[in-house]
Amino acid sequence: MQRANAFLRRIPEWAVWLAGSLPLALLIYDTVLGHLGVDPIRDIEHRLGRTALYFLIGSLTITPVRRLFRLNATHLRRALGLLAFSYALLHLLSWVVFDMGLLWSQMLKDVVKRPYLIFGMTAFVILLLLAVTSNRFSIRRLRRWWGRLHRLVYFAAILACLHWL
């Protein structure tokens, strides 16, 4: 157990960011080579969204893993959460730009037609709020409210799962 914890403590945050960029690099590679299938826009959106959800779930598993197995990787949680937000932002931007063509009225019609988009957008707003406040300044400034605010991540995860389903 001590060896595993020593190994986890040695993992720098930049390594998480580097590993976290691999799904994006693979998506770009597949896009350039035309390996996305018959509906490339849908594939881009779905891969970005799934990756966001995977990183969100990964960030949420750190506490149970610490409690159950006494493996401490809490110093990596912020990077995982910010990766989740980054992929969620790319997911949203791909929908707005590629799928909707920046046509705001079309987006509104799509939201009315597909209510699951409201779950995704609400989850994104929560992740945006958490990303903006995931710095030392915000932690000091918000004090006890910071922890309460960041517990919204569980609600965001539920909404993101409902959006995906």
N, C-alpha and C. Protein backbone atom coordinates (compact mmCIF):
# COMPACT_ATOMS: atom_id res chain seq x y z
N MET A 1 0.82 -1.19 0.00
CA MET A 1 0.00 0.00 0.00
C MET A 1 0.87 1.26 0.00
N GLN A 2 1.91 1.24 0.81
CA GLN A 2 2.78 2.41 0.89
C GLN A 2 3.50 2.65 -0.43
N ARG A 3 3.89 1.57 -1.09
CA ARG A 3 4.56 1.71 -2.38
C ARG A 3 3.62 2.32 -3.42
N ALA A 4 2.38 1.87 -3.40
CA ALA A 4 1.40 2.40 -4.35
C ALA A 4 1.15 3.88 -4.08
N ASN A 5 1.01 4.25 -2.81
CA ASN A 5 0.81 5.67 -2.46
C ASN A 5 2.02 6.51 -2.84
N ALA A 6 3.22 5.97 -2.63
CA ALA A 6 4.42 6.71 -3.01
C ALA A 6 4.46 6.90 -4.52
N PHE A 7 4.06 5.88 -5.26
CA PHE A 7 4.01 6.00 -6.73
C PHE A 7 2.98 7.05 -7.16
N LEU A 8 1.78 6.99 -6.56
CA LEU A 8 0.73 7.96 -6.91
C LEU A 8 1.14 9.39 -6.60
N ARG A 9 1.83 9.59 -5.47
CA ARG A 9 2.27 10.94 -5.10
C ARG A 9 3.29 11.49 -6.08
N ARG A 10 4.04 10.60 -6.72
CA ARG A 10 5.06 11.06 -7.67
C ARG A 10 4.50 11.41 -9.04
N ILE A 11 3.24 11.09 -9.29
CA ILE A 11 2.66 11.43 -10.59
C ILE A 11 2.39 12.93 -10.61
N PRO A 12 3.08 13.65 -11.50
CA PRO A 12 2.85 15.10 -11.56
C PRO A 12 1.57 15.42 -12.31
N GLU A 13 1.03 16.59 -12.01
CA GLU A 13 -0.22 17.01 -12.64
C GLU A 13 -0.07 17.14 -14.15
N TRP A 14 1.10 17.57 -14.62
CA TRP A 14 1.30 17.72 -16.05
C TRP A 14 1.20 16.37 -16.77
N ALA A 15 1.55 15.29 -16.08
CA ALA A 15 1.44 13.96 -16.69
C ALA A 15 -0.03 13.59 -16.91
N VAL A 16 -0.87 13.99 -15.98
CA VAL A 16 -2.31 13.74 -16.15
C VAL A 16 -2.83 14.53 -17.34
N TRP A 17 -2.38 15.79 -17.46
CA TRP A 17 -2.80 16.60 -18.61
C TRP A 17 -2.30 16.00 -19.92
N LEU A 18 -1.07 15.51 -19.91
CA LEU A 18 -0.51 14.90 -21.12
C LEU A 18 -1.28 13.65 -21.50
N ALA A 19 -1.52 12.78 -20.54
CA ALA A 19 -2.30 11.57 -20.81
C ALA A 19 -3.73 11.93 -21.19
N GLY A 20 -4.26 12.98 -20.57
CA GLY A 20 -5.63 13.41 -20.86
C GLY A 20 -5.79 14.00 -22.25
N SER A 21 -4.70 14.42 -22.86
CA SER A 21 -4.79 14.96 -24.22
C SER A 21 -4.77 13.86 -25.29
N LEU A 22 -4.45 12.64 -24.91
CA LEU A 22 -4.39 11.54 -25.88
C LEU A 22 -5.73 11.27 -26.58
N PRO A 23 -6.87 11.25 -25.88
CA PRO A 23 -8.13 11.04 -26.62
C PRO A 23 -8.39 12.11 -27.68
N LEU A 24 -8.01 13.35 -27.37
CA LEU A 24 -8.18 14.42 -28.35
C LEU A 24 -7.24 14.22 -29.54
N ALA A 25 -6.01 13.84 -29.25
CA ALA A 25 -5.06 13.58 -30.33
C ALA A 25 -5.54 12.44 -31.22
N LEU A 26 -6.09 11.39 -30.62
CA LEU A 26 -6.62 10.27 -31.40
C LEU A 26 -7.84 10.69 -32.23
N LEU A 27 -8.66 11.55 -31.68
CA LEU A 27 -9.82 12.06 -32.41
C LEU A 27 -9.38 12.89 -33.61
N ILE A 28 -8.40 13.74 -33.40
CA ILE A 28 -7.87 14.54 -34.51
C ILE A 28 -7.26 13.64 -35.57
N TYR A 29 -6.51 12.65 -35.14
CA TYR A 29 -5.89 11.68 -36.06
C TYR A 29 -6.96 10.97 -36.89
N ASP A 30 -7.99 10.46 -36.22
CA ASP A 30 -9.07 9.77 -36.93
C ASP A 30 -9.82 10.71 -37.86
N THR A 31 -9.97 11.96 -37.47
CA THR A 31 -10.65 12.93 -38.31
C THR A 31 -9.85 13.21 -39.58
N VAL A 32 -8.56 13.43 -39.41
CA VAL A 32 -7.71 13.73 -40.56
C VAL A 32 -7.66 12.55 -41.53
N LEU A 33 -7.62 11.34 -41.00
CA LEU A 33 -7.54 10.17 -41.86
C LEU A 33 -8.90 9.68 -42.36
N GLY A 34 -9.96 10.32 -41.90
CA GLY A 34 -11.30 9.94 -42.36
C GLY A 34 -11.80 8.64 -41.78
N HIS A 35 -11.42 8.34 -40.54
CA HIS A 35 -11.82 7.09 -39.89
C HIS A 35 -13.03 7.25 -38.97
N LEU A 36 -13.83 8.27 -39.20
CA LEU A 36 -14.92 8.54 -38.26
C LEU A 36 -16.25 7.90 -38.64
N GLY A 37 -16.39 7.39 -39.80
CA GLY A 37 -17.64 6.75 -40.18
C GLY A 37 -18.49 7.64 -41.05
N VAL A 38 -19.75 7.24 -41.20
CA VAL A 38 -20.64 7.92 -42.15
C VAL A 38 -21.13 9.28 -41.64
N ASP A 39 -21.14 9.49 -40.33
CA ASP A 39 -21.56 10.77 -39.76
C ASP A 39 -20.45 11.31 -38.87
N PRO A 40 -19.43 11.93 -39.47
CA PRO A 40 -18.27 12.36 -38.68
C PRO A 40 -18.60 13.40 -37.61
N ILE A 41 -19.54 14.27 -37.86
CA ILE A 41 -19.89 15.29 -36.86
C ILE A 41 -20.45 14.63 -35.62
N ARG A 42 -21.34 13.67 -35.82
CA ARG A 42 -21.91 12.94 -34.69
C ARG A 42 -20.82 12.19 -33.93
N ASP A 43 -19.90 11.57 -34.67
CA ASP A 43 -18.82 10.83 -34.02
C ASP A 43 -17.91 11.75 -33.21
N ILE A 44 -17.61 12.92 -33.74
CA ILE A 44 -16.79 13.90 -33.01
C ILE A 44 -17.51 14.31 -31.72
N GLU A 45 -18.78 14.68 -31.85
CA GLU A 45 -19.55 15.10 -30.68
C GLU A 45 -19.61 13.99 -29.63
N HIS A 46 -19.92 12.79 -30.06
CA HIS A 46 -20.09 11.68 -29.11
C HIS A 46 -18.77 11.31 -28.44
N ARG A 47 -17.69 11.28 -29.19
CA ARG A 47 -16.41 10.92 -28.58
C ARG A 47 -15.97 11.98 -27.57
N LEU A 48 -16.16 13.25 -27.89
CA LEU A 48 -15.81 14.31 -26.94
C LEU A 48 -16.68 14.24 -25.69
N GLY A 49 -17.97 13.99 -25.88
CA GLY A 49 -18.88 13.90 -24.74
C GLY A 49 -18.58 12.70 -23.85
N ARG A 50 -18.33 11.54 -24.47
CA ARG A 50 -17.99 10.36 -23.67
C ARG A 50 -16.70 10.57 -22.90
N THR A 51 -15.71 11.17 -23.55
CA THR A 51 -14.44 11.41 -22.88
C THR A 51 -14.63 12.35 -21.69
N ALA A 52 -15.46 13.38 -21.86
CA ALA A 52 -15.75 14.29 -20.74
C ALA A 52 -16.36 13.51 -19.59
N LEU A 53 -17.31 12.64 -19.89
CA LEU A 53 -17.97 11.86 -18.85
C LEU A 53 -16.97 10.91 -18.18
N TYR A 54 -16.10 10.29 -18.95
CA TYR A 54 -15.10 9.38 -18.37
C TYR A 54 -14.18 10.12 -17.40
N PHE A 55 -13.72 11.31 -17.78
CA PHE A 55 -12.87 12.08 -16.88
C PHE A 55 -13.63 12.56 -15.65
N LEU A 56 -14.90 12.91 -15.83
CA LEU A 56 -15.72 13.32 -14.69
C LEU A 56 -15.87 12.16 -13.71
N ILE A 57 -16.18 10.99 -14.22
CA ILE A 57 -16.31 9.81 -13.36
C ILE A 57 -14.96 9.47 -12.72
N GLY A 58 -13.88 9.61 -13.50
CA GLY A 58 -12.55 9.36 -12.95
C GLY A 58 -12.23 10.28 -11.79
N SER A 59 -12.61 11.54 -11.91
CA SER A 59 -12.35 12.47 -10.81
C SER A 59 -13.19 12.13 -9.58
N LEU A 60 -14.38 11.60 -9.82
CA LEU A 60 -15.26 11.24 -8.69
C LEU A 60 -14.84 9.94 -8.01
N THR A 61 -14.09 9.09 -8.69
CA THR A 61 -13.69 7.82 -8.09
C THR A 61 -12.50 7.96 -7.14
N ILE A 62 -11.86 9.11 -7.14
CA ILE A 62 -10.67 9.28 -6.30
C ILE A 62 -10.99 9.12 -4.82
N THR A 63 -12.08 9.71 -4.36
CA THR A 63 -12.43 9.61 -2.93
C THR A 63 -12.79 8.18 -2.52
N PRO A 64 -13.67 7.47 -3.26
CA PRO A 64 -13.95 6.09 -2.85
C PRO A 64 -12.72 5.18 -2.89
N VAL A 65 -11.85 5.39 -3.87
CA VAL A 65 -10.63 4.59 -3.95
C VAL A 65 -9.73 4.88 -2.74
N ARG A 66 -9.67 6.15 -2.34
CA ARG A 66 -8.88 6.51 -1.16
C ARG A 66 -9.45 5.86 0.10
N ARG A 67 -10.77 5.87 0.21
CA ARG A 67 -11.40 5.32 1.42
C ARG A 67 -11.36 3.80 1.45
N LEU A 68 -11.61 3.16 0.31
CA LEU A 68 -11.66 1.70 0.27
C LEU A 68 -10.28 1.05 0.25
N PHE A 69 -9.38 1.60 -0.54
CA PHE A 69 -8.08 0.96 -0.75
C PHE A 69 -6.91 1.73 -0.14
N ARG A 70 -7.23 2.88 0.46
CA ARG A 70 -6.22 3.74 1.08
C ARG A 70 -5.14 4.17 0.09
N LEU A 71 -5.57 4.39 -1.15
CA LEU A 71 -4.69 4.92 -2.18
C LEU A 71 -5.03 6.39 -2.37
N ASN A 72 -4.04 7.24 -2.17
CA ASN A 72 -4.30 8.67 -2.17
C ASN A 72 -3.80 9.32 -3.47
N ALA A 73 -4.76 9.74 -4.31
CA ALA A 73 -4.44 10.45 -5.55
C ALA A 73 -5.22 11.76 -5.61
N THR A 74 -5.52 12.32 -4.43
CA THR A 74 -6.34 13.53 -4.40
C THR A 74 -5.69 14.71 -5.11
N HIS A 75 -4.36 14.72 -5.20
CA HIS A 75 -3.68 15.82 -5.87
C HIS A 75 -3.93 15.82 -7.38
N LEU A 76 -4.50 14.73 -7.90
CA LEU A 76 -4.78 14.63 -9.33
C LEU A 76 -6.24 14.97 -9.66
N ARG A 77 -7.07 15.13 -8.65
CA ARG A 77 -8.50 15.34 -8.87
C ARG A 77 -8.79 16.62 -9.65
N ARG A 78 -8.10 17.69 -9.34
CA ARG A 78 -8.34 18.96 -10.04
C ARG A 78 -8.04 18.82 -11.53
N ALA A 79 -6.92 18.18 -11.86
CA ALA A 79 -6.57 18.00 -13.27
C ALA A 79 -7.62 17.15 -13.98
N LEU A 80 -8.08 16.09 -13.33
CA LEU A 80 -9.11 15.24 -13.94
C LEU A 80 -10.41 16.01 -14.14
N GLY A 81 -10.78 16.80 -13.14
CA GLY A 81 -12.00 17.60 -13.25
C GLY A 81 -11.90 18.65 -14.35
N LEU A 82 -10.74 19.30 -14.45
CA LEU A 82 -10.56 20.30 -15.49
C LEU A 82 -10.48 19.66 -16.89
N LEU A 83 -9.95 18.46 -16.96
CA LEU A 83 -9.99 17.72 -18.23
C LEU A 83 -11.44 17.40 -18.61
N ALA A 84 -12.23 16.99 -17.62
CA ALA A 84 -13.65 16.72 -17.89
C ALA A 84 -14.33 17.98 -18.42
N PHE A 85 -14.06 19.11 -17.79
CA PHE A 85 -14.64 20.36 -18.27
C PHE A 85 -14.15 20.70 -19.67
N SER A 86 -12.87 20.52 -19.92
CA SER A 86 -12.30 20.84 -21.24
C SER A 86 -12.96 20.02 -22.34
N TYR A 87 -13.12 18.73 -22.10
CA TYR A 87 -13.78 17.89 -23.10
C TYR A 87 -15.27 18.22 -23.23
N ALA A 88 -15.91 18.59 -22.12
CA ALA A 88 -17.31 19.01 -22.19
C ALA A 88 -17.44 20.30 -23.01
N LEU A 89 -16.50 21.22 -22.83
CA LEU A 89 -16.49 22.45 -23.62
C LEU A 89 -16.32 22.14 -25.10
N LEU A 90 -15.38 21.26 -25.43
CA LEU A 90 -15.18 20.87 -26.83
C LEU A 90 -16.42 20.16 -27.39
N HIS A 91 -17.06 19.36 -26.56
CA HIS A 91 -18.30 18.67 -26.95
C HIS A 91 -19.38 19.69 -27.29
N LEU A 92 -19.56 20.67 -26.41
CA LEU A 92 -20.55 21.71 -26.64
C LEU A 92 -20.20 22.54 -27.88
N LEU A 93 -18.94 22.93 -28.01
CA LEU A 93 -18.52 23.73 -29.16
C LEU A 93 -18.70 22.96 -30.48
N SER A 94 -18.44 21.66 -30.46
CA SER A 94 -18.63 20.89 -31.69
C SER A 94 -20.10 20.86 -32.08
N TRP A 95 -20.99 20.80 -31.10
CA TRP A 95 -22.43 20.83 -31.40
C TRP A 95 -22.83 22.20 -31.93
N VAL A 96 -22.35 23.26 -31.26
CA VAL A 96 -22.72 24.62 -31.64
C VAL A 96 -22.18 24.96 -33.03
N VAL A 97 -20.94 24.63 -33.31
CA VAL A 97 -20.31 25.04 -34.56
C VAL A 97 -20.60 24.07 -35.69
N PHE A 98 -20.31 22.79 -35.50
CA PHE A 98 -20.44 21.82 -36.60
C PHE A 98 -21.88 21.41 -36.86
N ASP A 99 -22.60 21.12 -35.78
CA ASP A 99 -23.96 20.59 -35.94
C ASP A 99 -24.98 21.70 -36.18
N MET A 100 -24.90 22.78 -35.41
CA MET A 100 -25.88 23.85 -35.50
C MET A 100 -25.43 25.01 -36.37
N GLY A 101 -24.16 25.05 -36.74
CA GLY A 101 -23.66 26.11 -37.61
C GLY A 101 -23.83 27.50 -37.04
N LEU A 102 -23.75 27.63 -35.71
CA LEU A 102 -23.90 28.91 -35.00
C LEU A 102 -25.27 29.56 -35.23
N LEU A 103 -26.25 28.78 -35.59
CA LEU A 103 -27.61 29.30 -35.78
C LEU A 103 -28.37 29.16 -34.46
N TRP A 104 -28.46 30.26 -33.74
CA TRP A 104 -29.02 30.24 -32.39
C TRP A 104 -30.49 29.83 -32.38
N SER A 105 -31.25 30.25 -33.36
CA SER A 105 -32.67 29.86 -33.40
C SER A 105 -32.79 28.36 -33.64
N GLN A 106 -31.90 27.81 -34.46
CA GLN A 106 -31.90 26.37 -34.70
C GLN A 106 -31.54 25.61 -33.43
N MET A 107 -30.61 26.17 -32.66
CA MET A 107 -30.22 25.54 -31.39
C MET A 107 -31.41 25.49 -30.43
N LEU A 108 -32.15 26.60 -30.36
CA LEU A 108 -33.31 26.65 -29.47
C LEU A 108 -34.35 25.61 -29.89
N LYS A 109 -34.59 25.49 -31.20
CA LYS A 109 -35.52 24.47 -31.70
C LYS A 109 -35.04 23.08 -31.35
N ASP A 110 -33.72 22.86 -31.44
CA ASP A 110 -33.16 21.55 -31.13
C ASP A 110 -33.33 21.22 -29.65
N VAL A 111 -33.16 22.23 -28.79
CA VAL A 111 -33.34 22.00 -27.35
C VAL A 111 -34.78 21.64 -27.04
N VAL A 112 -35.73 22.32 -27.69
CA VAL A 112 -37.15 22.02 -27.47
C VAL A 112 -37.47 20.62 -27.99
N LYS A 113 -36.90 20.27 -29.13
CA LYS A 113 -37.16 18.97 -29.75
C LYS A 113 -36.49 17.83 -28.98
N ARG A 114 -35.33 18.09 -28.39
CA ARG A 114 -34.56 17.07 -27.68
C ARG A 114 -34.28 17.54 -26.25
N PRO A 115 -35.20 17.28 -25.33
CA PRO A 115 -35.04 17.79 -23.96
C PRO A 115 -33.80 17.29 -23.23
N TYR A 116 -33.20 16.18 -23.67
CA TYR A 116 -32.00 15.70 -23.01
C TYR A 116 -30.85 16.71 -23.12
N LEU A 117 -30.96 17.63 -24.07
CA LEU A 117 -29.95 18.67 -24.20
C LEU A 117 -29.94 19.59 -22.99
N ILE A 118 -31.10 19.76 -22.35
CA ILE A 118 -31.17 20.60 -21.16
C ILE A 118 -30.34 19.99 -20.03
N PHE A 119 -30.37 18.65 -19.90
CA PHE A 119 -29.54 17.98 -18.90
C PHE A 119 -28.06 18.27 -19.15
N GLY A 120 -27.67 18.12 -20.41
CA GLY A 120 -26.27 18.36 -20.76
C GLY A 120 -25.85 19.80 -20.54
N MET A 121 -26.71 20.73 -20.92
CA MET A 121 -26.37 22.14 -20.75
C MET A 121 -26.31 22.53 -19.27
N THR A 122 -27.19 21.98 -18.47
CA THR A 122 -27.17 22.26 -17.04
C THR A 122 -25.89 21.69 -16.42
N ALA A 123 -25.55 20.47 -16.81
CA ALA A 123 -24.30 19.87 -16.32
C ALA A 123 -23.10 20.72 -16.74
N PHE A 124 -23.13 21.23 -17.98
CA PHE A 124 -22.03 22.06 -18.44
C PHE A 124 -21.91 23.35 -17.63
N VAL A 125 -23.02 23.98 -17.33
CA VAL A 125 -22.99 25.22 -16.54
C VAL A 125 -22.40 24.94 -15.16
N ILE A 126 -22.76 23.82 -14.57
CA ILE A 126 -22.19 23.45 -13.27
C ILE A 126 -20.69 23.23 -13.40
N LEU A 127 -20.27 22.49 -14.43
CA LEU A 127 -18.84 22.25 -14.63
C LEU A 127 -18.08 23.55 -14.89
N LEU A 128 -18.71 24.46 -15.61
CA LEU A 128 -18.10 25.77 -15.85
C LEU A 128 -17.88 26.51 -14.53
N LEU A 129 -18.89 26.51 -13.70
CA LEU A 129 -18.79 27.16 -12.39
C LEU A 129 -17.69 26.52 -11.54
N LEU A 130 -17.61 25.20 -11.59
CA LEU A 130 -16.58 24.51 -10.81
C LEU A 130 -15.18 24.77 -11.38
N ALA A 131 -15.07 24.81 -12.71
CA ALA A 131 -13.77 25.06 -13.34
C ALA A 131 -13.27 26.47 -13.00
N VAL A 132 -14.18 27.43 -13.03
CA VAL A 132 -13.80 28.82 -12.74
C VAL A 132 -13.36 28.97 -11.28
N THR A 133 -13.92 28.16 -10.40
CA THR A 133 -13.59 28.29 -8.98
C THR A 133 -12.60 27.23 -8.52
N SER A 134 -11.93 26.53 -9.43
CA SER A 134 -10.97 25.52 -8.99
C SER A 134 -9.55 26.05 -8.93
N ASN A 135 -9.38 27.15 -8.32
CA ASN A 135 -8.05 27.73 -8.14
C ASN A 135 -7.88 28.14 -6.68
N ARG A 136 -6.65 28.35 -6.30
CA ARG A 136 -6.36 28.66 -4.89
C ARG A 136 -7.04 29.96 -4.44
N PHE A 137 -7.08 30.95 -5.32
CA PHE A 137 -7.72 32.22 -4.97
C PHE A 137 -9.19 31.99 -4.60
N SER A 138 -9.90 31.21 -5.42
CA SER A 138 -11.32 30.95 -5.15
C SER A 138 -11.50 30.14 -3.88
N ILE A 139 -10.61 29.19 -3.65
CA ILE A 139 -10.70 28.38 -2.43
C ILE A 139 -10.56 29.28 -1.20
N ARG A 140 -9.59 30.18 -1.22
CA ARG A 140 -9.40 31.11 -0.09
C ARG A 140 -10.57 32.08 0.03
N ARG A 141 -11.02 32.59 -1.09
CA ARG A 141 -12.07 33.61 -1.09
C ARG A 141 -13.43 33.06 -0.65
N LEU A 142 -13.78 31.87 -1.15
CA LEU A 142 -15.09 31.29 -0.85
C LEU A 142 -15.12 30.54 0.48
N ARG A 143 -13.96 30.15 0.97
CA ARG A 143 -13.84 29.40 2.24
C ARG A 143 -14.76 28.20 2.28
N ARG A 144 -15.65 28.15 3.26
CA ARG A 144 -16.50 26.96 3.42
C ARG A 144 -17.50 26.80 2.28
N TRP A 145 -17.84 27.89 1.61
CA TRP A 145 -18.79 27.81 0.49
C TRP A 145 -18.18 27.07 -0.69
N TRP A 146 -16.85 27.07 -0.78
CA TRP A 146 -16.18 26.41 -1.89
C TRP A 146 -16.50 24.91 -1.88
N GLY A 147 -16.42 24.29 -0.73
CA GLY A 147 -16.71 22.86 -0.62
C GLY A 147 -18.16 22.56 -0.95
N ARG A 148 -19.05 23.40 -0.46
CA ARG A 148 -20.47 23.22 -0.77
C ARG A 148 -20.73 23.36 -2.26
N LEU A 149 -20.11 24.35 -2.87
CA LEU A 149 -20.26 24.58 -4.30
C LEU A 149 -19.73 23.39 -5.10
N HIS A 150 -18.60 22.87 -4.70
CA HIS A 150 -17.98 21.79 -5.46
C HIS A 150 -18.67 20.44 -5.25
N ARG A 151 -19.55 20.36 -4.29
CA ARG A 151 -20.36 19.14 -4.17
C ARG A 151 -21.41 19.05 -5.28
N LEU A 152 -21.62 20.15 -5.99
CA LEU A 152 -22.51 20.11 -7.16
C LEU A 152 -22.00 19.20 -8.25
N VAL A 153 -20.74 18.78 -8.15
CA VAL A 153 -20.18 17.90 -9.16
C VAL A 153 -20.97 16.59 -9.23
N TYR A 154 -21.53 16.14 -8.13
CA TYR A 154 -22.31 14.91 -8.13
C TYR A 154 -23.59 15.09 -8.94
N PHE A 155 -24.23 16.24 -8.78
CA PHE A 155 -25.42 16.56 -9.56
C PHE A 155 -25.07 16.67 -11.04
N ALA A 156 -23.93 17.29 -11.33
CA ALA A 156 -23.48 17.42 -12.72
C ALA A 156 -23.24 16.04 -13.34
N ALA A 157 -22.67 15.14 -12.57
CA ALA A 157 -22.42 13.79 -13.08
C ALA A 157 -23.72 13.06 -13.39
N ILE A 158 -24.70 13.21 -12.53
CA ILE A 158 -26.01 12.59 -12.77
C ILE A 158 -26.64 13.18 -14.03
N LEU A 159 -26.60 14.49 -14.15
CA LEU A 159 -27.15 15.15 -15.34
C LEU A 159 -26.42 14.74 -16.61
N ALA A 160 -25.10 14.61 -16.52
CA ALA A 160 -24.32 14.20 -17.69
C ALA A 160 -24.68 12.77 -18.10
N CYS A 161 -24.90 11.91 -17.13
CA CYS A 161 -25.32 10.53 -17.44
C CYS A 161 -26.71 10.52 -18.08
N LEU A 162 -27.62 11.31 -17.57
CA LEU A 162 -28.96 11.41 -18.15
C LEU A 162 -28.88 11.98 -19.58
N HIS A 163 -28.01 12.94 -19.79
CA HIS A 163 -27.82 13.51 -21.11
C HIS A 163 -27.32 12.44 -22.08
N TRP A 164 -26.39 11.61 -21.62
CA TRP A 164 -25.82 10.57 -22.47
C TRP A 164 -26.85 9.50 -22.79
N LEU A 165 -27.62 9.11 -21.78
CA LEU A 165 -28.63 8.06 -21.99
C LEU A 165 -29.70 8.54 -22.96
